[in-house]
Amino acid sequence: MPFRLQTVCTGNICRSPMAEVVLRRRFAEAGLGEEVVVDSSGISDEEHGNPVDRRARAVLAAAGYDVPEHRAHQATRAEIGERDLLLAMTARHARWLRTQAPDEAAAARVRMYRSFDPAAPRVDGPDAVSDESALDIDDPWYGDRADFEATLEQVEAAADAIVEHVRSLLPR
């Protein structure tokens, strides 16, 4: 049975599908493409059925990523319970996922996406900030291309550490 990972943002048309695309490539490059399934969702159903935002698609394509067909959807309690790791784009998303989780075990599998970025602030340990929101990936929706490029940079910065974390959880 493959390891199941889901990235989560608000509407599932910008940040979480960008992270899904990046992580799929990184897992494939690490030889784990058959062992890890990556998908994405949102905490809202406001964009239900919509494709990846055209600006996100353009930035991903310019960076050399293939962007598959995608239809936005809201995360369900079943999905939250079935995933081995849920990566939230913001503290708000993480809180929502934890409150919707069917049990404590599922809630414990929610992590902030940027918590894997070695350059991001730490939210644990002696030099930690006290608020997970320090790890939020800004919503590029209201911005321009530069905002989408900044989102992609944040997503890419954490991707290799996510791959290594998941690799450490896979059976040997």
Protein backbone atom coordinates (compact mmCIF):
# COMPACT_ATOMS: atom_id res chain seq x y z
CA MET A 1 0.00 0.00 0.00
CA PRO A 2 1.53 3.35 -0.97
CA PHE A 3 2.25 6.18 1.46
CA ARG A 4 -0.48 8.82 1.01
CA LEU A 5 0.38 12.51 1.33
CA GLN A 6 -1.98 15.44 0.82
CA THR A 7 -1.14 19.13 0.52
CA VAL A 8 -3.84 21.53 1.68
CA CYS A 9 -4.61 25.22 1.13
CA THR A 10 -7.79 27.30 0.99
CA GLY A 11 -9.42 26.72 -2.39
CA ASN A 12 -7.11 24.06 -3.88
CA ILE A 13 -6.24 26.08 -6.99
CA CYS A 14 -2.90 27.77 -6.13
CA ARG A 15 -0.63 26.70 -3.26
CA SER A 16 -1.66 23.10 -2.65
CA PRO A 17 -1.68 22.04 -6.32
CA MET A 18 1.68 23.77 -6.79
CA ALA A 19 3.04 21.74 -3.87
CA GLU A 20 1.44 18.59 -5.27
CA VAL A 21 3.16 19.06 -8.64
CA VAL A 22 6.56 19.79 -7.06
CA LEU A 23 6.37 16.88 -4.64
CA ARG A 24 5.26 14.40 -7.28
CA ARG A 25 8.35 15.26 -9.31
CA ARG A 26 10.67 15.13 -6.30
CA PHE A 27 9.34 11.73 -5.20
CA ALA A 28 9.70 10.41 -8.76
CA GLU A 29 13.27 11.73 -8.97
CA ALA A 30 14.04 10.03 -5.64
CA GLY A 31 12.77 6.73 -7.04
CA LEU A 32 9.71 6.80 -4.78
CA GLY A 33 7.07 7.64 -7.37
CA GLU A 34 5.46 4.20 -7.05
CA GLU A 35 5.61 4.18 -3.25
CA VAL A 36 4.17 7.63 -2.54
CA VAL A 37 0.87 9.06 -3.75
CA VAL A 38 0.56 12.85 -3.58
CA ASP A 39 -2.70 14.73 -3.96
CA SER A 40 -4.13 18.04 -2.79
CA SER A 41 -7.28 19.61 -1.46
CA GLY A 42 -8.65 22.78 0.11
CA ILE A 43 -10.42 23.62 3.34
CA SER A 44 -13.15 25.42 1.39
CA ASP A 45 -15.45 24.28 -1.38
CA GLU A 46 -15.56 27.76 -2.98
CA GLU A 47 -13.41 26.67 -5.95
CA HIS A 48 -14.94 23.19 -6.29
CA GLY A 49 -14.30 21.79 -9.76
CA ASN A 50 -12.02 24.61 -10.89
CA PRO A 51 -8.62 23.92 -12.48
CA VAL A 52 -5.25 25.12 -11.21
CA ASP A 53 -5.13 28.92 -11.33
CA ARG A 54 -3.73 30.07 -14.68
CA ARG A 55 -0.98 32.10 -12.97
CA ALA A 56 0.11 29.11 -10.87
CA ARG A 57 0.07 26.95 -13.99
CA ALA A 58 2.20 29.50 -15.89
CA VAL A 59 4.79 29.77 -13.11
CA LEU A 60 5.03 25.99 -12.78
CA ALA A 61 5.37 25.57 -16.54
CA ALA A 62 8.06 28.27 -16.72
CA ALA A 63 9.99 26.35 -14.05
CA GLY A 64 9.78 23.17 -16.14
CA TYR A 65 6.97 21.35 -14.34
CA ASP A 66 4.25 19.40 -16.09
CA VAL A 67 0.87 20.45 -14.71
CA PRO A 68 -1.68 17.66 -14.95
CA GLU A 69 -5.42 18.16 -15.14
CA HIS A 70 -6.76 19.09 -11.74
CA ARG A 71 -10.16 19.83 -10.27
CA ALA A 72 -10.32 21.61 -6.92
CA HIS A 73 -12.12 19.98 -4.05
CA GLN A 74 -12.56 20.34 -0.31
CA ALA A 75 -10.82 17.83 1.96
CA THR A 76 -13.16 15.30 3.50
CA ARG A 77 -12.98 13.69 6.94
CA ALA A 78 -12.37 10.38 5.16
CA GLU A 79 -9.39 11.79 3.23
CA ILE A 80 -7.95 13.31 6.38
CA GLY A 81 -8.25 9.95 8.12
CA GLU A 82 -6.73 8.03 5.22
CA ARG A 83 -3.64 10.18 4.62
CA ASP A 84 -0.31 9.29 6.20
CA LEU A 85 0.79 12.95 6.14
CA LEU A 86 -1.20 16.16 5.61
CA LEU A 87 0.83 19.26 4.78
CA ALA A 88 -0.94 22.53 5.52
CA MET A 89 0.04 25.74 3.77
CA THR A 90 -0.97 27.93 6.75
CA ALA A 91 -1.66 27.60 10.46
CA ARG A 92 -5.35 28.23 9.69
CA HIS A 93 -5.38 25.27 7.33
CA ALA A 94 -3.63 23.11 9.94
CA ARG A 95 -6.18 24.06 12.62
CA TRP A 96 -9.08 23.23 10.27
CA LEU A 97 -7.57 19.86 9.36
CA ARG A 98 -7.04 18.99 13.02
CA THR A 99 -10.62 19.90 13.93
CA GLN A 100 -11.97 17.86 11.00
CA ALA A 101 -9.76 14.85 11.67
CA PRO A 102 -11.76 11.74 12.55
CA ASP A 103 -9.43 10.91 15.45
CA GLU A 104 -6.34 12.06 17.34
CA ALA A 105 -4.04 9.89 15.24
CA ALA A 106 -5.17 11.64 12.06
CA ALA A 107 -4.86 15.06 13.71
CA ALA A 108 -1.28 14.20 14.69
CA ARG A 109 -0.41 13.60 11.03
CA VAL A 110 -1.03 17.28 10.18
CA ARG A 111 2.16 19.28 9.71
CA MET A 112 2.98 22.71 8.38
CA TYR A 113 4.49 22.39 4.89
CA ARG A 114 7.22 24.95 5.61
CA SER A 115 8.23 23.18 8.82
CA PHE A 116 10.43 21.12 6.49
CA ASP A 117 12.21 24.16 5.03
CA PRO A 118 15.63 24.33 6.68
CA ALA A 119 15.63 28.14 6.35
CA ALA A 120 12.13 28.63 7.84
CA PRO A 121 11.59 29.72 11.45
CA ARG A 122 11.49 26.88 13.97
CA VAL A 123 8.27 26.32 15.94
CA ASP A 124 9.87 23.85 18.35
CA GLY A 125 13.07 23.74 20.35
CA PRO A 126 14.91 26.45 22.28
CA ASP A 127 14.97 29.03 19.46
CA ALA A 128 11.36 28.46 18.46
CA VAL A 129 8.70 30.99 17.64
CA SER A 130 5.50 30.32 19.54
CA ASP A 131 3.08 30.50 16.64
CA GLU A 132 2.76 28.13 13.67
CA SER A 133 1.66 31.08 11.53
CA ALA A 134 5.34 32.01 11.24
CA LEU A 135 5.43 29.13 8.74
CA ASP A 136 2.53 30.30 6.59
CA ILE A 137 3.01 30.29 2.84
CA ASP A 138 1.43 33.53 1.66
CA ASP A 139 -1.59 33.29 -0.60
CA PRO A 140 -0.52 34.53 -4.06
CA TRP A 141 -4.15 34.83 -5.26
CA TYR A 142 -4.34 38.61 -4.80
CA GLY A 143 -0.85 39.23 -6.13
CA ASP A 144 0.98 39.13 -9.42
CA ARG A 145 3.40 36.72 -11.07
CA ALA A 146 6.12 37.58 -8.55
CA ASP A 147 3.86 36.39 -5.74
CA PHE A 148 3.30 33.06 -7.49
CA GLU A 149 7.05 32.75 -8.08
CA ALA A 150 7.65 33.41 -4.36
CA THR A 151 5.13 30.69 -3.49
CA LEU A 152 6.92 28.25 -5.78
CA GLU A 153 10.24 29.11 -4.15
CA GLN A 154 8.80 28.40 -0.68
CA VAL A 155 7.29 25.13 -1.89
CA GLU A 156 10.54 24.02 -3.51
CA ALA A 157 12.62 24.99 -0.46
CA ALA A 158 10.86 22.40 1.72
CA ALA A 159 10.37 19.66 -0.89
CA ASP A 160 13.62 17.72 -0.50
CA ALA A 161 13.26 17.53 3.28
CA ILE A 162 9.69 16.30 2.87
CA VAL A 163 10.95 13.55 0.56
CA GLU A 164 13.58 12.54 3.11
CA HIS A 165 11.05 12.61 5.96
CA VAL A 166 8.67 10.36 4.04
CA ARG A 167 11.55 8.07 3.02
CA SER A 168 12.34 7.61 6.73
CA LEU A 169 8.73 6.53 7.36
CA LEU A 170 8.59 3.95 4.57
CA PRO A 171 9.12 0.29 5.41
CA ARG A 172 12.51 -1.02 4.45
